[in-house]
Amino acid sequence: MSELDVLRKDIDVIDERIADLLVSRFAVVKEIGEVKKRDGIPVTNEGREQEVIKNARALALDAAEKDAVERVFRAIIEASKTLE
């Protein structure tokens, strides 16, 4: 197996973990949506969204990674809002 094949297998394992975590996150998002609906709270909370993005950016190592992480988390947040 080539070095590239090994690295791609590593990516496959990581992608599976990411997908599993997203499914878990979306389950919690759905519960949050029920609470918000029950309590009359709007789906969108700009302050919370900024906090999530700030926390995610803090985990990245450099500016390029920070920007990439932010783009991914903005997509996750948008997908989550459709599930709420």
PDB file of N, CA and C in Angstrom:
ATOM      1  N   MET A   1       0.857  -1.178   0.000  1.00  0.00           N
ATOM      2  CA  MET A   1       0.000   0.000   0.000  1.00  0.00           C
ATOM      3  C   MET A   1       0.902   1.240   0.000  1.00  0.00           C
ATOM      4  N   SER A   2       0.565   2.189  -0.837  1.00  0.00           N
ATOM      5  CA  SER A   2       1.391   3.390  -0.943  1.00  0.00           C
ATOM      6  C   SER A   2       1.151   4.329   0.239  1.00  0.00           C
ATOM      7  N   GLU A   3       2.060   5.258   0.405  1.00  0.00           N
ATOM      8  CA  GLU A   3       1.911   6.261   1.467  1.00  0.00           C
ATOM      9  C   GLU A   3       0.610   7.039   1.284  1.00  0.00           C
ATOM     10  N   LEU A   4       0.279   7.354   0.036  1.00  0.00           N
ATOM     11  CA  LEU A   4      -0.955   8.086  -0.255  1.00  0.00           C
ATOM     12  C   LEU A   4      -2.181   7.270   0.144  1.00  0.00           C
ATOM     13  N   ASP A   5      -2.163   5.976  -0.141  1.00  0.00           N
ATOM     14  CA  ASP A   5      -3.280   5.106   0.245  1.00  0.00           C
ATOM     15  C   ASP A   5      -3.446   5.071   1.764  1.00  0.00           C
ATOM     16  N   VAL A   6      -2.339   5.000   2.475  1.00  0.00           N
ATOM     17  CA  VAL A   6      -2.383   4.987   3.942  1.00  0.00           C
ATOM     18  C   VAL A   6      -2.983   6.290   4.457  1.00  0.00           C
ATOM     19  N   LEU A   7      -2.540   7.397   3.902  1.00  0.00           N
ATOM     20  CA  LEU A   7      -3.065   8.693   4.341  1.00  0.00           C
ATOM     21  C   LEU A   7      -4.544   8.827   4.019  1.00  0.00           C
ATOM     22  N   ARG A   8      -4.959   8.320   2.866  1.00  0.00           N
ATOM     23  CA  ARG A   8      -6.382   8.369   2.510  1.00  0.00           C
ATOM     24  C   ARG A   8      -7.212   7.504   3.449  1.00  0.00           C
ATOM     25  N   LYS A   9      -6.675   6.381   3.859  1.00  0.00           N
ATOM     26  CA  LYS A   9      -7.377   5.552   4.846  1.00  0.00           C
ATOM     27  C   LYS A   9      -7.511   6.300   6.170  1.00  0.00           C
ATOM     28  N   ASP A  10      -6.472   7.025   6.559  1.00  0.00           N
ATOM     29  CA  ASP A  10      -6.547   7.852   7.765  1.00  0.00           C
ATOM     30  C   ASP A  10      -7.684   8.872   7.637  1.00  0.00           C
ATOM     31  N   ILE A  11      -7.771   9.510   6.468  1.00  0.00           N
ATOM     32  CA  ILE A  11      -8.842  10.484   6.228  1.00  0.00           C
ATOM     33  C   ILE A  11     -10.205   9.809   6.314  1.00  0.00           C
ATOM     34  N   ASP A  12     -10.337   8.607   5.763  1.00  0.00           N
ATOM     35  CA  ASP A  12     -11.609   7.879   5.823  1.00  0.00           C
ATOM     36  C   ASP A  12     -12.047   7.633   7.269  1.00  0.00           C
ATOM     37  N   VAL A  13     -11.102   7.252   8.105  1.00  0.00           N
ATOM     38  CA  VAL A  13     -11.410   7.012   9.521  1.00  0.00           C
ATOM     39  C   VAL A  13     -11.835   8.313  10.197  1.00  0.00           C
ATOM     40  N   ILE A  14     -11.113   9.371   9.938  1.00  0.00           N
ATOM     41  CA  ILE A  14     -11.441  10.678  10.516  1.00  0.00           C
ATOM     42  C   ILE A  14     -12.811  11.143  10.025  1.00  0.00           C
ATOM     43  N   ASP A  15     -13.085  10.972   8.722  1.00  0.00           N
ATOM     44  CA  ASP A  15     -14.385  11.378   8.178  1.00  0.00           C
ATOM     45  C   ASP A  15     -15.531  10.626   8.845  1.00  0.00           C
ATOM     46  N   GLU A  16     -15.319   9.357   9.116  1.00  0.00           N
ATOM     47  CA  GLU A  16     -16.351   8.568   9.801  1.00  0.00           C
ATOM     48  C   GLU A  16     -16.602   9.119  11.202  1.00  0.00           C
ATOM     49  N   ARG A  17     -15.541   9.477  11.895  1.00  0.00           N
ATOM     50  CA  ARG A  17     -15.687  10.051  13.237  1.00  0.00           C
ATOM     51  C   ARG A  17     -16.418  11.390  13.170  1.00  0.00           C
ATOM     52  N   ILE A  18     -16.069  12.217  12.172  1.00  0.00           N
ATOM     53  CA  ILE A  18     -16.741  13.513  12.011  1.00  0.00           C
ATOM     54  C   ILE A  18     -18.226  13.297  11.760  1.00  0.00           C
ATOM     55  N   ALA A  19     -18.565  12.374  10.856  1.00  0.00           N
ATOM     56  CA  ALA A  19     -19.977  12.110  10.549  1.00  0.00           C
ATOM     57  C   ALA A  19     -20.724  11.622  11.792  1.00  0.00           C
ATOM     58  N   ASP A  20     -20.101  10.730  12.559  1.00  0.00           N
ATOM     59  CA  ASP A  20     -20.733  10.253  13.794  1.00  0.00           C
ATOM     60  C   ASP A  20     -20.982  11.407  14.766  1.00  0.00           C
ATOM     61  N   LEU A  21     -20.005  12.289  14.893  1.00  0.00           N
ATOM     62  CA  LEU A  21     -20.152  13.434  15.793  1.00  0.00           C
ATOM     63  C   LEU A  21     -21.234  14.390  15.299  1.00  0.00           C
ATOM     64  N   LEU A  22     -21.314  14.579  13.989  1.00  0.00           N
ATOM     65  CA  LEU A  22     -22.363  15.446  13.447  1.00  0.00           C
ATOM     66  C   LEU A  22     -23.747  14.866  13.717  1.00  0.00           C
ATOM     67  N   VAL A  23     -23.905  13.565  13.545  1.00  0.00           N
ATOM     68  CA  VAL A  23     -25.188  12.928  13.835  1.00  0.00           C
ATOM     69  C   VAL A  23     -25.555  13.131  15.311  1.00  0.00           C
ATOM     70  N   SER A  24     -24.584  12.988  16.191  1.00  0.00           N
ATOM     71  CA  SER A  24     -24.826  13.220  17.624  1.00  0.00           C
ATOM     72  C   SER A  24     -25.190  14.677  17.882  1.00  0.00           C
ATOM     73  N   ARG A  25     -24.475  15.593  17.241  1.00  0.00           N
ATOM     74  CA  ARG A  25     -24.758  17.024  17.408  1.00  0.00           C
ATOM     75  C   ARG A  25     -26.166  17.343  16.925  1.00  0.00           C
ATOM     76  N   PHE A  26     -26.531  16.778  15.773  1.00  0.00           N
ATOM     77  CA  PHE A  26     -27.850  17.060  15.224  1.00  0.00           C
ATOM     78  C   PHE A  26     -28.968  16.516  16.116  1.00  0.00           C
ATOM     79  N   ALA A  27     -28.731  15.417  16.801  1.00  0.00           N
ATOM     80  CA  ALA A  27     -29.727  14.893  17.740  1.00  0.00           C
ATOM     81  C   ALA A  27     -29.963  15.899  18.871  1.00  0.00           C
ATOM     82  N   VAL A  28     -28.891  16.478  19.378  1.00  0.00           N
ATOM     83  CA  VAL A  28     -29.021  17.493  20.435  1.00  0.00           C
ATOM     84  C   VAL A  28     -29.690  18.744  19.879  1.00  0.00           C
ATOM     85  N   VAL A  29     -29.329  19.123  18.652  1.00  0.00           N
ATOM     86  CA  VAL A  29     -29.931  20.295  18.003  1.00  0.00           C
ATOM     87  C   VAL A  29     -31.448  20.132  17.918  1.00  0.00           C
ATOM     88  N   LYS A  30     -31.894  18.941  17.571  1.00  0.00           N
ATOM     89  CA  LYS A  30     -33.339  18.689  17.470  1.00  0.00           C
ATOM     90  C   LYS A  30     -34.011  18.861  18.832  1.00  0.00           C
ATOM     91  N   GLU A  31     -33.345  18.404  19.880  1.00  0.00           N
ATOM     92  CA  GLU A  31     -33.886  18.590  21.234  1.00  0.00           C
ATOM     93  C   GLU A  31     -33.944  20.074  21.585  1.00  0.00           C
ATOM     94  N   ILE A  32     -32.901  20.805  21.238  1.00  0.00           N
ATOM     95  CA  ILE A  32     -32.880  22.245  21.478  1.00  0.00           C
ATOM     96  C   ILE A  32     -34.028  22.907  20.728  1.00  0.00           C
ATOM     97  N   GLY A  33     -34.252  22.468  19.498  1.00  0.00           N
ATOM     98  CA  GLY A  33     -35.353  23.010  18.711  1.00  0.00           C
ATOM     99  C   GLY A  33     -36.691  22.812  19.380  1.00  0.00           C
ATOM    100  N   GLU A  34     -36.901  21.662  19.982  1.00  0.00           N
ATOM    101  CA  GLU A  34     -38.154  21.398  20.691  1.00  0.00           C
ATOM    102  C   GLU A  34     -38.307  22.327  21.898  1.00  0.00           C
ATOM    103  N   VAL A  35     -37.234  22.523  22.634  1.00  0.00           N
ATOM    104  CA  VAL A  35     -37.274  23.424  23.793  1.00  0.00           C
ATOM    105  C   VAL A  35     -37.569  24.849  23.332  1.00  0.00           C
ATOM    106  N   LYS A  36     -36.887  25.293  22.281  1.00  0.00           N
ATOM    107  CA  LYS A  36     -37.108  26.648  21.775  1.00  0.00           C
ATOM    108  C   LYS A  36     -38.541  26.823  21.295  1.00  0.00           C
ATOM    109  N   LYS A  37     -39.046  25.829  20.604  1.00  0.00           N
ATOM    110  CA  LYS A  37     -40.420  25.893  20.107  1.00  0.00           C
ATOM    111  C   LYS A  37     -41.402  25.954  21.277  1.00  0.00           C
ATOM    112  N   ARG A  38     -41.208  25.102  22.236  1.00  0.00           N
ATOM    113  CA  ARG A  38     -42.083  25.050  23.405  1.00  0.00           C
ATOM    114  C   ARG A  38     -42.068  26.374  24.181  1.00  0.00           C
ATOM    115  N   ASP A  39     -40.870  26.970  24.287  1.00  0.00           N
ATOM    116  CA  ASP A  39     -40.717  28.175  25.091  1.00  0.00           C
ATOM    117  C   ASP A  39     -40.806  29.465  24.281  1.00  0.00           C
ATOM    118  N   GLY A  40     -41.071  29.337  22.973  1.00  0.00           N
ATOM    119  CA  GLY A  40     -41.220  30.519  22.137  1.00  0.00           C
ATOM    120  C   GLY A  40     -39.929  31.289  21.911  1.00  0.00           C
ATOM    121  N   ILE A  41     -38.812  30.578  21.851  1.00  0.00           N
ATOM    122  CA  ILE A  41     -37.507  31.196  21.657  1.00  0.00           C
ATOM    123  C   ILE A  41     -37.149  31.106  20.172  1.00  0.00           C
ATOM    124  N   PRO A  42     -36.645  32.193  19.584  1.00  0.00           N
ATOM    125  CA  PRO A  42     -36.263  32.140  18.163  1.00  0.00           C
ATOM    126  C   PRO A  42     -35.149  31.126  17.900  1.00  0.00           C
ATOM    127  N   VAL A  43     -35.151  30.565  16.700  1.00  0.00           N
ATOM    128  CA  VAL A  43     -34.130  29.591  16.315  1.00  0.00           C
ATOM    129  C   VAL A  43     -32.754  30.241  16.292  1.00  0.00           C
ATOM    130  N   THR A  44     -32.668  31.419  15.693  1.00  0.00           N
ATOM    131  CA  THR A  44     -31.369  32.079  15.525  1.00  0.00           C
ATOM    132  C   THR A  44     -30.970  32.841  16.782  1.00  0.00           C
ATOM    133  N   ASN A  45     -29.721  32.620  17.204  1.00  0.00           N
ATOM    134  CA  ASN A  45     -29.148  33.328  18.336  1.00  0.00           C
ATOM    135  C   ASN A  45     -27.734  33.748  17.920  1.00  0.00           C
ATOM    136  N   GLU A  46     -27.621  34.957  17.397  1.00  0.00           N
ATOM    137  CA  GLU A  46     -26.341  35.435  16.868  1.00  0.00           C
ATOM    138  C   GLU A  46     -25.208  35.349  17.887  1.00  0.00           C
ATOM    139  N   GLY A  47     -25.497  35.689  19.134  1.00  0.00           N
ATOM    140  CA  GLY A  47     -24.463  35.636  20.168  1.00  0.00           C
ATOM    141  C   GLY A  47     -23.927  34.232  20.357  1.00  0.00           C
ATOM    142  N   ARG A  48     -24.819  33.262  20.393  1.00  0.00           N
ATOM    143  CA  ARG A  48     -24.400  31.870  20.559  1.00  0.00           C
ATOM    144  C   ARG A  48     -23.618  31.396  19.332  1.00  0.00           C
ATOM    145  N   GLU A  49     -24.071  31.779  18.152  1.00  0.00           N
ATOM    146  CA  GLU A  49     -23.364  31.393  16.931  1.00  0.00           C
ATOM    147  C   GLU A  49     -21.942  31.937  16.939  1.00  0.00           C
ATOM    148  N   GLN A  50     -21.773  33.179  17.329  1.00  0.00           N
ATOM    149  CA  GLN A  50     -20.439  33.777  17.379  1.00  0.00           C
ATOM    150  C   GLN A  50     -19.563  33.080  18.414  1.00  0.00           C
ATOM    151  N   GLU A  51     -20.170  32.686  19.532  1.00  0.00           N
ATOM    152  CA  GLU A  51     -19.421  31.971  20.571  1.00  0.00           C
ATOM    153  C   GLU A  51     -18.926  30.620  20.050  1.00  0.00           C
ATOM    154  N   VAL A  52     -19.786  29.890  19.336  1.00  0.00           N
ATOM    155  CA  VAL A  52     -19.407  28.588  18.778  1.00  0.00           C
ATOM    156  C   VAL A  52     -18.260  28.761  17.785  1.00  0.00           C
ATOM    157  N   ILE A  53     -18.369  29.756  16.922  1.00  0.00           N
ATOM    158  CA  ILE A  53     -17.324  29.999  15.923  1.00  0.00           C
ATOM    159  C   ILE A  53     -16.023  30.424  16.595  1.00  0.00           C
ATOM    160  N   LYS A  54     -16.113  31.289  17.576  1.00  0.00           N
ATOM    161  CA  LYS A  54     -14.913  31.722  18.303  1.00  0.00           C
ATOM    162  C   LYS A  54     -14.208  30.528  18.951  1.00  0.00           C
ATOM    163  N   ASN A  55     -14.986  29.655  19.594  1.00  0.00           N
ATOM    164  CA  ASN A  55     -14.407  28.475  20.245  1.00  0.00           C
ATOM    165  C   ASN A  55     -13.762  27.539  19.229  1.00  0.00           C
ATOM    166  N   ALA A  56     -14.410  27.360  18.088  1.00  0.00           N
ATOM    167  CA  ALA A  56     -13.859  26.483  17.050  1.00  0.00           C
ATOM    168  C   ALA A  56     -12.575  27.067  16.475  1.00  0.00           C
ATOM    169  N   ARG A  57     -12.577  28.363  16.197  1.00  0.00           N
ATOM    170  CA  ARG A  57     -11.379  29.018  15.654  1.00  0.00           C
ATOM    171  C   ARG A  57     -10.199  28.887  16.614  1.00  0.00           C
ATOM    172  N   ALA A  58     -10.477  28.931  17.898  1.00  0.00           N
ATOM    173  CA  ALA A  58      -9.408  28.850  18.896  1.00  0.00           C
ATOM    174  C   ALA A  58      -8.681  27.501  18.858  1.00  0.00           C
ATOM    175  N   LEU A  59      -9.316  26.489  18.313  1.00  0.00           N
ATOM    176  CA  LEU A  59      -8.706  25.162  18.253  1.00  0.00           C
ATOM    177  C   LEU A  59      -7.760  24.996  17.067  1.00  0.00           C
ATOM    178  N   ALA A  60      -7.861  25.888  16.095  1.00  0.00           N
ATOM    179  CA  ALA A  60      -7.017  25.797  14.901  1.00  0.00           C
ATOM    180  C   ALA A  60      -5.624  26.332  15.190  1.00  0.00           C
ATOM    181  N   LEU A  61      -4.666  25.911  14.372  1.00  0.00           N
ATOM    182  CA  LEU A  61      -3.265  26.231  14.636  1.00  0.00           C
ATOM    183  C   LEU A  61      -2.768  27.515  13.990  1.00  0.00           C
ATOM    184  N   ASP A  62      -3.334  27.881  12.850  1.00  0.00           N
ATOM    185  CA  ASP A  62      -2.853  29.082  12.168  1.00  0.00           C
ATOM    186  C   ASP A  62      -4.023  29.785  11.487  1.00  0.00           C
ATOM    187  N   ALA A  63      -3.749  30.925  10.880  1.00  0.00           N
ATOM    188  CA  ALA A  63      -4.813  31.751  10.299  1.00  0.00           C
ATOM    189  C   ALA A  63      -5.587  31.012   9.213  1.00  0.00           C
ATOM    190  N   ALA A  64      -4.893  30.283   8.366  1.00  0.00           N
ATOM    191  CA  ALA A  64      -5.578  29.551   7.296  1.00  0.00           C
ATOM    192  C   ALA A  64      -6.502  28.486   7.866  1.00  0.00           C
ATOM    193  N   GLU A  65      -6.026  27.763   8.870  1.00  0.00           N
ATOM    194  CA  GLU A  65      -6.877  26.760   9.517  1.00  0.00           C
ATOM    195  C   GLU A  65      -8.050  27.422  10.220  1.00  0.00           C
ATOM    196  N   LYS A  66      -7.808  28.541  10.894  1.00  0.00           N
ATOM    197  CA  LYS A  66      -8.889  29.252  11.585  1.00  0.00           C
ATOM    198  C   LYS A  66      -9.994  29.625  10.602  1.00  0.00           C
ATOM    199  N   ASP A  67      -9.610  30.137   9.425  1.00  0.00           N
ATOM    200  CA  ASP A  67     -10.605  30.504   8.415  1.00  0.00           C
ATOM    201  C   ASP A  67     -11.349  29.279   7.898  1.00  0.00           C
ATOM    202  N   ALA A  68     -10.628  28.184   7.684  1.00  0.00           N
ATOM    203  CA  ALA A  68     -11.256  26.956   7.206  1.00  0.00           C
ATOM    204  C   ALA A  68     -12.227  26.398   8.244  1.00  0.00           C
ATOM    205  N   VAL A  69     -11.802  26.394   9.496  1.00  0.00           N
ATOM    206  CA  VAL A  69     -12.664  25.904  10.579  1.00  0.00           C
ATOM    207  C   VAL A  69     -13.918  26.775  10.681  1.00  0.00           C
ATOM    208  N   GLU A  70     -13.741  28.069  10.553  1.00  0.00           N
ATOM    209  CA  GLU A  70     -14.908  28.958  10.617  1.00  0.00           C
ATOM    210  C   GLU A  70     -15.892  28.650   9.496  1.00  0.00           C
ATOM    211  N   ARG A  71     -15.407  28.454   8.287  1.00  0.00           N
ATOM    212  CA  ARG A  71     -16.304  28.133   7.172  1.00  0.00           C
ATOM    213  C   ARG A  71     -17.070  26.841   7.440  1.00  0.00           C
ATOM    214  N   VAL A  72     -16.385  25.836   7.952  1.00  0.00           N
ATOM    215  CA  VAL A  72     -17.031  24.558   8.249  1.00  0.00           C
ATOM    216  C   VAL A  72     -18.086  24.737   9.338  1.00  0.00           C
ATOM    217  N   PHE A  73     -17.744  25.463  10.385  1.00  0.00           N
ATOM    218  CA  PHE A  73     -18.700  25.638  11.474  1.00  0.00           C
ATOM    219  C   PHE A  73     -19.887  26.508  11.069  1.00  0.00           C
ATOM    220  N   ARG A  74     -19.677  27.460  10.193  1.00  0.00           N
ATOM    221  CA  ARG A  74     -20.810  28.238   9.682  1.00  0.00           C
ATOM    222  C   ARG A  74     -21.763  27.318   8.914  1.00  0.00           C
ATOM    223  N   ALA A  75     -21.212  26.378   8.153  1.00  0.00           N
ATOM    224  CA  ALA A  75     -22.050  25.411   7.433  1.00  0.00           C
ATOM    225  C   ALA A  75     -22.780  24.483   8.410  1.00  0.00           C
ATOM    226  N   ILE A  76     -22.087  24.049   9.452  1.00  0.00           N
ATOM    227  CA  ILE A  76     -22.715  23.196  10.463  1.00  0.00           C
ATOM    228  C   ILE A  76     -23.852  23.946  11.148  1.00  0.00           C
ATOM    229  N   ILE A  77     -23.630  25.199  11.488  1.00  0.00           N
ATOM    230  CA  ILE A  77     -24.659  26.007  12.147  1.00  0.00           C
ATOM    231  C   ILE A  77     -25.869  26.161  11.238  1.00  0.00           C
ATOM    232  N   GLU A  78     -25.649  26.436   9.964  1.00  0.00           N
ATOM    233  CA  GLU A  78     -26.768  26.587   9.030  1.00  0.00           C
ATOM    234  C   GLU A  78     -27.552  25.276   8.910  1.00  0.00           C
ATOM    235  N   ALA A  79     -26.846  24.166   8.802  1.00  0.00           N
ATOM    236  CA  ALA A  79     -27.518  22.872   8.735  1.00  0.00           C
ATOM    237  C   ALA A  79     -28.287  22.612  10.027  1.00  0.00           C
ATOM    238  N   SER A  80     -27.712  22.997  11.145  1.00  0.00           N
ATOM    239  CA  SER A  80     -28.370  22.778  12.442  1.00  0.00           C
ATOM    240  C   SER A  80     -29.648  23.592  12.548  1.00  0.00           C
ATOM    241  N   LYS A  81     -29.618  24.825  12.041  1.00  0.00           N
ATOM    242  CA  LYS A  81     -30.816  25.670  12.118  1.00  0.00           C
ATOM    243  C   LYS A  81     -31.959  25.081  11.307  1.00  0.00           C
ATOM    244  N   THR A  82     -31.658  24.400  10.217  1.00  0.00           N
ATOM    245  CA  THR A  82     -32.734  23.775   9.434  1.00  0.00           C
ATOM    246  C   THR A  82     -33.327  22.579  10.175  1.00  0.00           C
ATOM    247  N   LEU A  83     -32.544  21.976  11.041  1.00  0.00           N
ATOM    248  CA  LEU A  83     -33.049  20.826  11.821  1.00  0.00           C
ATOM    249  C   LEU A  83     -33.776  21.242  13.089  1.00  0.00           C
ATOM    250  N   GLU A  84     -33.511  22.455  13.568  1.00  0.00           N
ATOM    251  CA  GLU A  84     -34.189  22.930  14.774  1.00  0.00           C
ATOM    252  C   GLU A  84     -35.645  23.129  14.463  1.00  0.00           C
TER     253      GLU A  84
END
